Amino acid sequence: MEQRTLLALMVFSSLIVLAGTIDQKPAIEIYSLHVDCKVTSRFAHTVITSRIVNRANESREATFEVELPKTAFITNFSMSIDGEVYPGIIKEKAAAQNEYDTAVSQGQSAGLVKITDRKLEQFHVSVSIAAASKVTFELTYEELLKRQLGKYELLIKVRPRQLVKHFQIDVHVFEPQGIHFLETDSTFMTNELTEALIKELNETKAHISFKPTLDQQKKDSEPDGTLLNGDFVVRYDVKREATAGDIQIVNGYFVHYFAPQEMPVFPKNVVFVIDRSGSMTGRKIEQTRDALLKILQDLRPDDHFSFITFNNKVVEWKSSLLPATEENVASAAALVQTLTARGGTDISGALLTAVGMLEKAEGLLERSVSMIILLTDGQPTSGERNVEVIQENVQKAINGKFALFCLGFGFDVSYKFLEKMALSNGGIARRIYENADAALQLQGFYQEVATPILMQIEMQYPENSIEGLTKNNFKLFFEGSEIIVSGKISDELDLLPVEIKAQSHTSNLTLMEEANVKEKEQVFQNQRYIFGNFIERLWAYLSIQQLLEKAISAQEEDQKALEAQALDLSLRYSFVTPLTSMVVTKPQQKEELANKPTEADNEKPKSLPVGGSHRLKSGSPAGRRRSELQTGSNRKMFSTVPRVRDAVRAQPVASEHPQLLLQLPRQNERICLNIDERPQTSVHLVSDPEQGLTVTGKLGDGINHFVQFDINYENPPVQIHVYTHAILVNHNNKNDWLSWTKSASSTIQGLRVSVEKERSVTASLPDTVTVKISLVKFPDDFLGLYFLNTDRFSDKVTGVLGQFYSKAQFGSNSSNDQRAVERLLRVSGSEHKVSRLYTKDYRLESASEPVSCWSIDLTP
């Protein structure tokens, strides 16, 4: 069996993660690992080199993984095996894909790059190397560092998980404006490791080197363990003296950085538009409440604000915007604390209401900034559902007067829809990841847009002397950020003039600057570690990013032209972008593709209503109507049961999962139960006063299955809330979250709650019925409930499901022939005709074999 070694490095904005795993007796040894990062005027050029040797007497497989920022473009990759180099070649994506289609159809993987985190994507390649052979992996990528909240940050997550003989990280920073401050921080430093850290700093340059020896890396308690496990951070900012910014020139290309300081902040008029539909239930709505409570405290006294919450109904907190007085903020906080989630998602109605509120607002300061901040986790399922119509109506209503920021919570949203709507209305879109820090992500985003200090910024350069000018008009500038403009200077230009026009809170500004081209070019000469054409590459990088962003909100014909320009630059400067692919050649002529994923690629497959035709989940109203056409009735979802004569001849075909499955006590009969109830309505499933147990459930919005179960015990007083994303255990007003991503268990006064990773959660108490809930992840996440030790239910058990455990009996005249397809079932004094159904069983690890059950539809 092959041994596998994993070497992973993560770099973003810039974050570098060095991670590796290796067997206890490794045949594959990573003997050298070097990260060399050169940051020149915010433009980062990173080369990662790892060297591996196979010390075994037979072939072994080595896997190389690099996690790099989503904003970075890979520019080069190569493998060198025993002196032979296998380079990566960048081609147009469509052409590369056509060449590779045959291999894909034969089952080979086509994706070397995938999104792994809200900031990261992962490059992955593996290769088999012969006994005693060596392989060198080298990956290069580039990105323009973004200034946020007054600083640039280089975060290096160090996690090699083994001792590496030659381990080194070098970070070079060159900022001709001067380095205002630079600091390092770490979570794993010891006194010994501090000796391996060297920081050299002067007016414009910094060099940080981290080169621990094997002895310094070692853990005292584990001979082969490493101390290198945690974060290593470099933060810095540059000096800013010229009010019109700083211009830098190299080889005929210029870049202009503009970040004014110490200017008065515009008062804001902000409408928060908050989704409270059923899919926000549980952790999402709790994190939203936490974030909004803190955001409210950050409002300035001269700000005006209001809230609009929406599900299938749009509700205004107040009929107009209110000043952010202490009293009004406290009143809003009281509202936020009562936010609950249920119902559909009327995004269109909510946004148009917000626009109307801003338009009719009175008492606002003349020089103020108006904005709408939308937070949603789903697709439009109520009101207007056609996304193109929504985008068009919202853009027409806003008409350039306000900025729209769209936050997509989780992966059920269409990021493309939100991104296009935001970019078309002077804002940005951001995905909020469903992690423990989601509330901090929301707060962090608000802090970025909380302090506008300029609006309507125009950066003007001589038209006839500049080619390929990047974006030079900006609607808003926020304190702590930075505007960057770049272009190519014509040969005859000696002086580069720039004029900046903008509006501040107190006045209209005109700033002027003039750069001497030859003098500016002298700054970067004789810099040994600076890659000479870096401003040209920065210009190409920035141009591609902006062309792709502009294409998102452009009409189809313009979109094609913009993408053609971006593709030309991508190929000319060897960038792996969403329009290009890197073909990685391996020994034996094997090839794999490295594609650049986009944020929109990182979500569940779905279809949004666009134009005149669209697909809907069967659980949505229109989807249910379509199911009724296909199956005869929505209330008889499983009515496609074969007649008696067909059932004998045909193999049973498994229908979809039923909502609930149960085994009748003392009878070898299985019941499939489907409940016709509105989404997010609490269904009383089981209540047994002698057991001290109550179970309720909620059907999903847009999915005809349960997405939440609530288990309540009287003794001990414990409530267990099971969602598709996590499990919440409440005892004595203390909340404990359990994740589906790992197995875990806890015991409270004899009540044991145990999670089987990504499979099920079980609640068991001595002499009490055991409750078990399965997590089913295809095609949509839902939950399946069942009980063990059901003979422990008392005669007093009630509920939609509970009645079957005490008051269900097949009719005496009902056939028990295994080939029968219909029988009579008496439940709580009522008779129901039930049909035999072959269905999937969510209780089983594998649902490949259909199981037989008696199907019944109920209305609570």
Foldseek 3Di string as FASTA:
>chain_A
DAFEKEWEWAWELGEIETEIDADPDHQKAFQAWEWEWEQEQQKIKIKIKIKIWGQDQWKHKYKYKYKGFLLKWWFWKWKAKPRDIFTWAKDFAVVVCVVCVVVVVVPDDFAQWAADDQTIIMGMDMEIHTHGMMMMIMIIMMHGNWWFQAKRKTKYFYHHFWQHAWYKYKYKYFAVLWWPDKDKDWDQDDPLQVVQWDWDDDGGIIMIMGTHHSVSQDDPVDRTGGSRGTMMMMMTHGDFDAQQADWFDFPQKIKGKHAHDDFAFFAEEEEEEEEQAQVCADPNLVLVLVLVLVVLVVHDQLHWYWYWYDALDIDTPDLATDGSDPVVSVVVNVVSVPRHHHHHHAPLVRLLSVLVRVVPHPPHDPGHAYEYEYEDAAAHQHDDFALVVSLVVNLVSCVQVHAYEYEHEDFRYQQLSRQLSRLSRQHGYGYQYPDPCSSVVSNSVCLRVVTWFWAFKAKDWPPVFWPLKFDGTHGTDGHRTMDMIMTGGHPPDQKIKIWMWIDGSVGTDIHIDIDGNVVSNVSPPPPVPDDRCSSVVVSLSRLLVRLCSVLSNDDPVSNVVSVVVSSVSCNVSSTQAQRMWIWGAGPPRDTHIHHSDDPSVPHADAWTNHDDDIDAFCLRPVNVVVCCVVQVHSLPSQNPDDDLVVLVVDDADADEQAQAWEQAPPDRAIEREAEDDDFPDKFFAKDFVVLQKTKIFGAHHRHRYTAWMWIAHVVVGWIWIDGLAWIWIAHPNDIDIGGLQDWDWDADPQWIWTHDRQFKIWTDHPLHKIKIKTWDPPPHTHIYIYIPPLVSGDLPMDGPNRQSHRFKDWDPPFDPPPSDFWTWIDTPNDIDIWGKHFHFDSVDPDRPGTDIHTYDYYYD
